Amino acid sequence: MIPLNETHAPSEQSWLDSANDPQTDFPLQNLPFASFQQIGESQQWRGGIAIGDQVLDLKQLAQKKLLQQDAQRAIELGSQHQLNEL
């Protein structure tokens, strides 16, 4: 079994209040990738990461070019309408 590190500690808190709610399915310790589309939007689905009651839009993050090398490439792959390439 792989030991858990400090990123899994229940005491770790997010900057996003809804991710700190004990009832949330997506706390800081559980950030799943998913394809999403905003309600009422006609654009294609795109990749995101759920956190609290929000979704981090990987397409917008990729366009800002805040990450480097492999991390930037991973975000670009995750921003597509399907997560298969990621």
PDB file of N, CA and C in Angstrom:
ATOM      1  N   MET A   1       0.843  -1.175   0.000  1.00  0.00           N
ATOM      2  CA  MET A   1       0.000   0.000   0.000  1.00  0.00           C
ATOM      3  C   MET A   1       0.899   1.254   0.000  1.00  0.00           C
ATOM      4  N   ILE A   2       0.511   2.228  -0.780  1.00  0.00           N
ATOM      5  CA  ILE A   2       1.257   3.488  -0.856  1.00  0.00           C
ATOM      6  C   ILE A   2       0.831   4.359   0.322  1.00  0.00           C
ATOM      7  N   PRO A   3       1.796   4.852   1.105  1.00  0.00           N
ATOM      8  CA  PRO A   3       1.424   5.710   2.235  1.00  0.00           C
ATOM      9  C   PRO A   3       0.900   7.067   1.742  1.00  0.00           C
ATOM     10  N   LEU A   4      -0.063   7.599   2.448  1.00  0.00           N
ATOM     11  CA  LEU A   4      -0.602   8.916   2.106  1.00  0.00           C
ATOM     12  C   LEU A   4       0.339   9.999   2.611  1.00  0.00           C
ATOM     13  N   ASN A   5       0.458  11.089   1.870  1.00  0.00           N
ATOM     14  CA  ASN A   5       1.302  12.195   2.298  1.00  0.00           C
ATOM     15  C   ASN A   5       0.437  13.335   2.833  1.00  0.00           C
ATOM     16  N   GLU A   6       1.073  14.458   3.125  1.00  0.00           N
ATOM     17  CA  GLU A   6       0.379  15.591   3.751  1.00  0.00           C
ATOM     18  C   GLU A   6      -0.731  16.189   2.890  1.00  0.00           C
ATOM     19  N   THR A   7      -0.725  15.952   1.590  1.00  0.00           N
ATOM     20  CA  THR A   7      -1.783  16.511   0.745  1.00  0.00           C
ATOM     21  C   THR A   7      -3.137  15.859   1.005  1.00  0.00           C
ATOM     22  N   HIS A   8      -3.135  14.729   1.682  1.00  0.00           N
ATOM     23  CA  HIS A   8      -4.385  14.031   2.008  1.00  0.00           C
ATOM     24  C   HIS A   8      -4.881  14.335   3.416  1.00  0.00           C
ATOM     25  N   ALA A   9      -4.153  15.148   4.153  1.00  0.00           N
ATOM     26  CA  ALA A   9      -4.539  15.458   5.533  1.00  0.00           C
ATOM     27  C   ALA A   9      -5.862  16.212   5.564  1.00  0.00           C
ATOM     28  N   PRO A  10      -6.825  15.753   6.348  1.00  0.00           N
ATOM     29  CA  PRO A  10      -8.121  16.434   6.441  1.00  0.00           C
ATOM     30  C   PRO A  10      -8.004  17.874   6.933  1.00  0.00           C
ATOM     31  N   SER A  11      -6.914  18.201   7.601  1.00  0.00           N
ATOM     32  CA  SER A  11      -6.736  19.561   8.122  1.00  0.00           C
ATOM     33  C   SER A  11      -6.343  20.562   7.037  1.00  0.00           C
ATOM     34  N   GLU A  12      -5.902  20.085   5.877  1.00  0.00           N
ATOM     35  CA  GLU A  12      -5.532  20.994   4.786  1.00  0.00           C
ATOM     36  C   GLU A  12      -6.773  21.706   4.266  1.00  0.00           C
ATOM     37  N   GLN A  13      -6.663  22.990   4.033  1.00  0.00           N
ATOM     38  CA  GLN A  13      -7.795  23.813   3.622  1.00  0.00           C
ATOM     39  C   GLN A  13      -7.553  24.430   2.249  1.00  0.00           C
ATOM     40  N   SER A  14      -8.643  24.684   1.546  1.00  0.00           N
ATOM     41  CA  SER A  14      -8.612  25.308   0.234  1.00  0.00           C
ATOM     42  C   SER A  14      -8.902  26.799   0.358  1.00  0.00           C
ATOM     43  N   TRP A  15      -8.506  27.572  -0.633  1.00  0.00           N
ATOM     44  CA  TRP A  15      -8.861  28.989  -0.715  1.00  0.00           C
ATOM     45  C   TRP A  15     -10.327  29.138  -1.090  1.00  0.00           C
ATOM     46  N   LEU A  16     -10.930  28.067  -1.599  1.00  0.00           N
ATOM     47  CA  LEU A  16     -12.325  28.083  -2.011  1.00  0.00           C
ATOM     48  C   LEU A  16     -13.187  27.551  -0.863  1.00  0.00           C
ATOM     49  N   ASP A  17     -14.020  28.407  -0.289  1.00  0.00           N
ATOM     50  CA  ASP A  17     -14.816  28.042   0.891  1.00  0.00           C
ATOM     51  C   ASP A  17     -15.630  26.772   0.690  1.00  0.00           C
ATOM     52  N   SER A  18     -16.243  26.610  -0.471  1.00  0.00           N
ATOM     53  CA  SER A  18     -17.103  25.436  -0.674  1.00  0.00           C
ATOM     54  C   SER A  18     -16.311  24.131  -0.658  1.00  0.00           C
ATOM     55  N   ALA A  19     -15.015  24.181  -0.924  1.00  0.00           N
ATOM     56  CA  ALA A  19     -14.177  22.980  -0.864  1.00  0.00           C
ATOM     57  C   ALA A  19     -13.849  22.598   0.577  1.00  0.00           C
ATOM     58  N   ASN A  20     -14.065  23.505   1.514  1.00  0.00           N
ATOM     59  CA  ASN A  20     -13.821  23.237   2.933  1.00  0.00           C
ATOM     60  C   ASN A  20     -15.077  22.741   3.657  1.00  0.00           C
ATOM     61  N   ASP A  21     -16.210  22.735   2.967  1.00  0.00           N
ATOM     62  CA  ASP A  21     -17.464  22.270   3.560  1.00  0.00           C
ATOM     63  C   ASP A  21     -17.365  20.760   3.792  1.00  0.00           C
ATOM     64  N   PRO A  22     -17.607  20.278   5.002  1.00  0.00           N
ATOM     65  CA  PRO A  22     -17.488  18.845   5.271  1.00  0.00           C
ATOM     66  C   PRO A  22     -18.454  17.988   4.445  1.00  0.00           C
ATOM     67  N   GLN A  23     -19.488  18.585   3.875  1.00  0.00           N
ATOM     68  CA  GLN A  23     -20.467  17.839   3.079  1.00  0.00           C
ATOM     69  C   GLN A  23     -20.109  17.753   1.589  1.00  0.00           C
ATOM     70  N   THR A  24     -19.061  18.464   1.152  1.00  0.00           N
ATOM     71  CA  THR A  24     -18.733  18.473  -0.274  1.00  0.00           C
ATOM     72  C   THR A  24     -18.163  17.129  -0.721  1.00  0.00           C
ATOM     73  N   ASP A  25     -18.431  16.781  -1.957  1.00  0.00           N
ATOM     74  CA  ASP A  25     -17.837  15.584  -2.558  1.00  0.00           C
ATOM     75  C   ASP A  25     -16.443  15.868  -3.096  1.00  0.00           C
ATOM     76  N   PHE A  26     -16.101  17.161  -3.232  1.00  0.00           N
ATOM     77  CA  PHE A  26     -14.847  17.532  -3.867  1.00  0.00           C
ATOM     78  C   PHE A  26     -14.017  18.472  -2.998  1.00  0.00           C
ATOM     79  N   PRO A  27     -13.503  17.972  -1.866  1.00  0.00           N
ATOM     80  CA  PRO A  27     -12.615  18.783  -1.047  1.00  0.00           C
ATOM     81  C   PRO A  27     -11.226  18.848  -1.698  1.00  0.00           C
ATOM     82  N   LEU A  28     -10.345  19.564  -1.095  1.00  0.00           N
ATOM     83  CA  LEU A  28      -8.977  19.704  -1.601  1.00  0.00           C
ATOM     84  C   LEU A  28      -8.311  18.342  -1.806  1.00  0.00           C
ATOM     85  N   GLN A  29      -8.689  17.357  -1.021  1.00  0.00           N
ATOM     86  CA  GLN A  29      -8.084  16.029  -1.085  1.00  0.00           C
ATOM     87  C   GLN A  29      -8.688  15.145  -2.184  1.00  0.00           C
ATOM     88  N   ASN A  30      -9.693  15.624  -2.906  1.00  0.00           N
ATOM     89  CA  ASN A  30     -10.350  14.852  -3.963  1.00  0.00           C
ATOM     90  C   ASN A  30     -10.705  15.792  -5.107  1.00  0.00           C
ATOM     91  N   LEU A  31      -9.806  15.906  -6.072  1.00  0.00           N
ATOM     92  CA  LEU A  31      -9.988  16.836  -7.187  1.00  0.00           C
ATOM     93  C   LEU A  31     -10.079  16.049  -8.496  1.00  0.00           C
ATOM     94  N   PRO A  32     -11.270  15.548  -8.839  1.00  0.00           N
ATOM     95  CA  PRO A  32     -11.403  14.723 -10.047  1.00  0.00           C
ATOM     96  C   PRO A  32     -11.436  15.542 -11.338  1.00  0.00           C
ATOM     97  N   PHE A  33     -10.866  14.957 -12.377  1.00  0.00           N
ATOM     98  CA  PHE A  33     -10.969  15.518 -13.717  1.00  0.00           C
ATOM     99  C   PHE A  33     -12.331  15.142 -14.283  1.00  0.00           C
ATOM    100  N   ALA A  34     -12.905  16.007 -15.103  1.00  0.00           N
ATOM    101  CA  ALA A  34     -14.194  15.739 -15.733  1.00  0.00           C
ATOM    102  C   ALA A  34     -14.342  16.612 -16.963  1.00  0.00           C
ATOM    103  N   SER A  35     -15.228  16.213 -17.846  1.00  0.00           N
ATOM    104  CA  SER A  35     -15.624  17.069 -18.964  1.00  0.00           C
ATOM    105  C   SER A  35     -16.859  17.827 -18.521  1.00  0.00           C
ATOM    106  N   PHE A  36     -16.925  19.111 -18.837  1.00  0.00           N
ATOM    107  CA  PHE A  36     -18.067  19.926 -18.407  1.00  0.00           C
ATOM    108  C   PHE A  36     -18.434  20.932 -19.483  1.00  0.00           C
ATOM    109  N   GLN A  37     -19.632  21.455 -19.332  1.00  0.00           N
ATOM    110  CA  GLN A  37     -20.123  22.539 -20.178  1.00  0.00           C
ATOM    111  C   GLN A  37     -21.005  23.401 -19.289  1.00  0.00           C
ATOM    112  N   GLN A  38     -20.853  24.699 -19.376  1.00  0.00           N
ATOM    113  CA  GLN A  38     -21.677  25.590 -18.567  1.00  0.00           C
ATOM    114  C   GLN A  38     -23.118  25.531 -19.037  1.00  0.00           C
ATOM    115  N   ILE A  39     -24.041  25.644 -18.093  1.00  0.00           N
ATOM    116  CA  ILE A  39     -25.465  25.641 -18.412  1.00  0.00           C
ATOM    117  C   ILE A  39     -25.765  26.779 -19.380  1.00  0.00           C
ATOM    118  N   GLY A  40     -26.486  26.461 -20.428  1.00  0.00           N
ATOM    119  CA  GLY A  40     -26.870  27.466 -21.410  1.00  0.00           C
ATOM    120  C   GLY A  40     -25.789  27.784 -22.436  1.00  0.00           C
ATOM    121  N   GLU A  41     -24.669  27.115 -22.372  1.00  0.00           N
ATOM    122  CA  GLU A  41     -23.565  27.358 -23.284  1.00  0.00           C
ATOM    123  C   GLU A  41     -23.677  26.442 -24.493  1.00  0.00           C
ATOM    124  N   SER A  42     -23.347  26.940 -25.660  1.00  0.00           N
ATOM    125  CA  SER A  42     -23.401  26.105 -26.859  1.00  0.00           C
ATOM    126  C   SER A  42     -22.016  25.605 -27.266  1.00  0.00           C
ATOM    127  N   GLN A  43     -20.993  25.979 -26.528  1.00  0.00           N
ATOM    128  CA  GLN A  43     -19.636  25.535 -26.837  1.00  0.00           C
ATOM    129  C   GLN A  43     -19.478  24.044 -26.548  1.00  0.00           C
ATOM    130  N   GLN A  44     -18.424  23.475 -27.124  1.00  0.00           N
ATOM    131  CA  GLN A  44     -18.114  22.073 -26.895  1.00  0.00           C
ATOM    132  C   GLN A  44     -17.764  21.835 -25.428  1.00  0.00           C
ATOM    133  N   TRP A  45     -17.975  20.621 -24.971  1.00  0.00           N
ATOM    134  CA  TRP A  45     -17.556  20.247 -23.628  1.00  0.00           C
ATOM    135  C   TRP A  45     -16.041  20.400 -23.550  1.00  0.00           C
ATOM    136  N   ARG A  46     -15.528  20.634 -22.348  1.00  0.00           N
ATOM    137  CA  ARG A  46     -14.073  20.771 -22.169  1.00  0.00           C
ATOM    138  C   ARG A  46     -13.689  20.232 -20.800  1.00  0.00           C
ATOM    139  N   GLY A  47     -12.393  20.009 -20.636  1.00  0.00           N
ATOM    140  CA  GLY A  47     -11.897  19.422 -19.399  1.00  0.00           C
ATOM    141  C   GLY A  47     -11.823  20.422 -18.258  1.00  0.00           C
ATOM    142  N   GLY A  48     -12.060  19.901 -17.076  1.00  0.00           N
ATOM    143  CA  GLY A  48     -11.973  20.718 -15.876  1.00  0.00           C
ATOM    144  C   GLY A  48     -11.655  19.851 -14.667  1.00  0.00           C
ATOM    145  N   ILE A  49     -11.431  20.501 -13.554  1.00  0.00           N
ATOM    146  CA  ILE A  49     -11.190  19.803 -12.288  1.00  0.00           C
ATOM    147  C   ILE A  49     -12.202  20.329 -11.289  1.00  0.00           C
ATOM    148  N   ALA A  50     -12.998  19.407 -10.718  1.00  0.00           N
ATOM    149  CA  ALA A  50     -14.003  19.790  -9.727  1.00  0.00           C
ATOM    150  C   ALA A  50     -13.323  20.104  -8.403  1.00  0.00           C
ATOM    151  N   ILE A  51     -13.761  21.197  -7.768  1.00  0.00           N
ATOM    152  CA  ILE A  51     -13.298  21.553  -6.427  1.00  0.00           C
ATOM    153  C   ILE A  51     -14.447  22.284  -5.733  1.00  0.00           C
ATOM    154  N   GLY A  52     -14.885  21.723  -4.600  1.00  0.00           N
ATOM    155  CA  GLY A  52     -16.043  22.282  -3.910  1.00  0.00           C
ATOM    156  C   GLY A  52     -17.240  22.277  -4.837  1.00  0.00           C
ATOM    157  N   ASP A  53     -17.897  23.425  -4.984  1.00  0.00           N
ATOM    158  CA  ASP A  53     -19.047  23.516  -5.891  1.00  0.00           C
ATOM    159  C   ASP A  53     -18.677  24.232  -7.190  1.00  0.00           C
ATOM    160  N   GLN A  54     -17.397  24.241  -7.526  1.00  0.00           N
ATOM    161  CA  GLN A  54     -16.883  24.936  -8.706  1.00  0.00           C
ATOM    162  C   GLN A  54     -16.151  23.949  -9.623  1.00  0.00           C
ATOM    163  N   VAL A  55     -15.788  24.434 -10.805  1.00  0.00           N
ATOM    164  CA  VAL A  55     -14.956  23.672 -11.737  1.00  0.00           C
ATOM    165  C   VAL A  55     -13.834  24.590 -12.213  1.00  0.00           C
ATOM    166  N   LEU A  56     -12.610  24.112 -12.106  1.00  0.00           N
ATOM    167  CA  LEU A  56     -11.467  24.838 -12.652  1.00  0.00           C
ATOM    168  C   LEU A  56     -11.425  24.531 -14.143  1.00  0.00           C
ATOM    169  N   ASP A  57     -11.611  25.534 -14.969  1.00  0.00           N
ATOM    170  CA  ASP A  57     -11.664  25.397 -16.424  1.00  0.00           C
ATOM    171  C   ASP A  57     -10.234  25.270 -16.947  1.00  0.00           C
ATOM    172  N   LEU A  58      -9.860  24.066 -17.390  1.00  0.00           N
ATOM    173  CA  LEU A  58      -8.494  23.832 -17.834  1.00  0.00           C
ATOM    174  C   LEU A  58      -8.173  24.538 -19.140  1.00  0.00           C
ATOM    175  N   LYS A  59      -9.180  24.797 -19.963  1.00  0.00           N
ATOM    176  CA  LYS A  59      -8.943  25.537 -21.207  1.00  0.00           C
ATOM    177  C   LYS A  59      -8.503  26.963 -20.893  1.00  0.00           C
ATOM    178  N   GLN A  60      -9.206  27.613 -19.972  1.00  0.00           N
ATOM    179  CA  GLN A  60      -8.815  28.974 -19.597  1.00  0.00           C
ATOM    180  C   GLN A  60      -7.439  28.989 -18.940  1.00  0.00           C
ATOM    181  N   LEU A  61      -7.179  28.003 -18.084  1.00  0.00           N
ATOM    182  CA  LEU A  61      -5.865  27.922 -17.443  1.00  0.00           C
ATOM    183  C   LEU A  61      -4.764  27.710 -18.481  1.00  0.00           C
ATOM    184  N   ALA A  62      -4.981  26.830 -19.441  1.00  0.00           N
ATOM    185  CA  ALA A  62      -3.987  26.552 -20.480  1.00  0.00           C
ATOM    186  C   ALA A  62      -3.689  27.803 -21.304  1.00  0.00           C
ATOM    187  N   GLN A  63      -4.720  28.577 -21.599  1.00  0.00           N
ATOM    188  CA  GLN A  63      -4.539  29.786 -22.411  1.00  0.00           C
ATOM    189  C   GLN A  63      -3.713  30.848 -21.691  1.00  0.00           C
ATOM    190  N   LYS A  64      -3.712  30.846 -20.380  1.00  0.00           N
ATOM    191  CA  LYS A  64      -2.947  31.838 -19.616  1.00  0.00           C
ATOM    192  C   LYS A  64      -1.456  31.527 -19.572  1.00  0.00           C
ATOM    193  N   LYS A  65      -1.078  30.301 -19.925  1.00  0.00           N
ATOM    194  CA  LYS A  65       0.336  29.887 -19.981  1.00  0.00           C
ATOM    195  C   LYS A  65       1.066  30.153 -18.654  1.00  0.00           C
ATOM    196  N   LEU A  66       0.429  29.809 -17.552  1.00  0.00           N
ATOM    197  CA  LEU A  66       1.027  30.026 -16.230  1.00  0.00           C
ATOM    198  C   LEU A  66       1.961  28.890 -15.818  1.00  0.00           C
ATOM    199  N   LEU A  67       1.822  27.752 -16.467  1.00  0.00           N
ATOM    200  CA  LEU A  67       2.615  26.581 -16.105  1.00  0.00           C
ATOM    201  C   LEU A  67       3.725  26.380 -17.120  1.00  0.00           C
ATOM    202  N   GLN A  68       4.621  25.460 -16.842  1.00  0.00           N
ATOM    203  CA  GLN A  68       5.756  25.242 -17.725  1.00  0.00           C
ATOM    204  C   GLN A  68       5.887  23.769 -18.083  1.00  0.00           C
ATOM    205  N   GLN A  69       6.461  23.522 -19.208  1.00  0.00           N
ATOM    206  CA  GLN A  69       6.857  22.215 -19.704  1.00  0.00           C
ATOM    207  C   GLN A  69       5.763  21.160 -19.551  1.00  0.00           C
ATOM    208  N   ASP A  70       6.051  20.065 -18.841  1.00  0.00           N
ATOM    209  CA  ASP A  70       5.106  18.949 -18.732  1.00  0.00           C
ATOM    210  C   ASP A  70       3.784  19.369 -18.101  1.00  0.00           C
ATOM    211  N   ALA A  71       3.822  20.266 -17.126  1.00  0.00           N
ATOM    212  CA  ALA A  71       2.589  20.719 -16.474  1.00  0.00           C
ATOM    213  C   ALA A  71       1.714  21.469 -17.470  1.00  0.00           C
ATOM    214  N   GLN A  72       2.296  22.330 -18.289  1.00  0.00           N
ATOM    215  CA  GLN A  72       1.539  23.064 -19.305  1.00  0.00           C
ATOM    216  C   GLN A  72       0.966  22.096 -20.328  1.00  0.00           C
ATOM    217  N   ARG A  73       1.759  21.141 -20.744  1.00  0.00           N
ATOM    218  CA  ARG A  73       1.289  20.156 -21.728  1.00  0.00           C
ATOM    219  C   ARG A  73       0.127  19.339 -21.157  1.00  0.00           C
ATOM    220  N   ALA A  74       0.219  18.937 -19.909  1.00  0.00           N
ATOM    221  CA  ALA A  74      -0.855  18.166 -19.275  1.00  0.00           C
ATOM    222  C   ALA A  74      -2.146  18.979 -19.213  1.00  0.00           C
ATOM    223  N   ILE A  75      -2.044  20.251 -18.862  1.00  0.00           N
ATOM    224  CA  ILE A  75      -3.225  21.104 -18.795  1.00  0.00           C
ATOM    225  C   ILE A  75      -3.828  21.280 -20.193  1.00  0.00           C
ATOM    226  N   GLU A  76      -2.987  21.437 -21.199  1.00  0.00           N
ATOM    227  CA  GLU A  76      -3.486  21.561 -22.572  1.00  0.00           C
ATOM    228  C   GLU A  76      -4.225  20.292 -22.996  1.00  0.00           C
ATOM    229  N   LEU A  77      -3.666  19.126 -22.680  1.00  0.00           N
ATOM    230  CA  LEU A  77      -4.331  17.872 -23.013  1.00  0.00           C
ATOM    231  C   LEU A  77      -5.633  17.721 -22.237  1.00  0.00           C
ATOM    232  N   GLY A  78      -5.643  18.126 -20.975  1.00  0.00           N
ATOM    233  CA  GLY A  78      -6.826  18.029 -20.149  1.00  0.00           C
ATOM    234  C   GLY A  78      -7.903  19.031 -20.509  1.00  0.00           C
ATOM    235  N   SER A  79      -7.575  20.040 -21.289  1.00  0.00           N
ATOM    236  CA  SER A  79      -8.546  21.074 -21.633  1.00  0.00           C
ATOM    237  C   SER A  79      -9.416  20.716 -22.833  1.00  0.00           C
ATOM    238  N   GLN A  80      -9.114  19.626 -23.485  1.00  0.00           N
ATOM    239  CA  GLN A  80      -9.879  19.230 -24.661  1.00  0.00           C
ATOM    240  C   GLN A  80     -11.267  18.713 -24.280  1.00  0.00           C
ATOM    241  N   HIS A  81     -12.123  18.520 -25.283  1.00  0.00           N
ATOM    242  CA  HIS A  81     -13.496  18.089 -24.988  1.00  0.00           C
ATOM    243  C   HIS A  81     -13.561  16.651 -24.501  1.00  0.00           C
ATOM    244  N   GLN A  82     -12.541  15.866 -24.757  1.00  0.00           N
ATOM    245  CA  GLN A  82     -12.420  14.525 -24.192  1.00  0.00           C
ATOM    246  C   GLN A  82     -11.100  14.448 -23.447  1.00  0.00           C
ATOM    247  N   LEU A  83     -11.062  13.687 -22.380  1.00  0.00           N
ATOM    248  CA  LEU A  83      -9.854  13.595 -21.563  1.00  0.00           C
ATOM    249  C   LEU A  83      -8.959  12.447 -21.979  1.00  0.00           C
ATOM    250  N   ASN A  84      -9.259  11.780 -23.088  1.00  0.00           N
ATOM    251  CA  ASN A  84      -8.521  10.602 -23.512  1.00  0.00           C
ATOM    252  C   ASN A  84      -7.020  10.856 -23.689  1.00  0.00           C
ATOM    253  N   GLU A  85      -6.650  11.993 -24.255  1.00  0.00           N
ATOM    254  CA  GLU A  85      -5.242  12.305 -24.506  1.00  0.00           C
ATOM    255  C   GLU A  85      -4.465  12.512 -23.205  1.00  0.00           C
ATOM    256  N   LEU A  86      -5.170  12.977 -22.190  1.00  0.00           N
ATOM    257  CA  LEU A  86      -4.516  13.199 -20.904  1.00  0.00           C
ATOM    258  C   LEU A  86      -4.118  11.872 -20.301  1.00  0.00           C
TER     259      LEU A  86
END
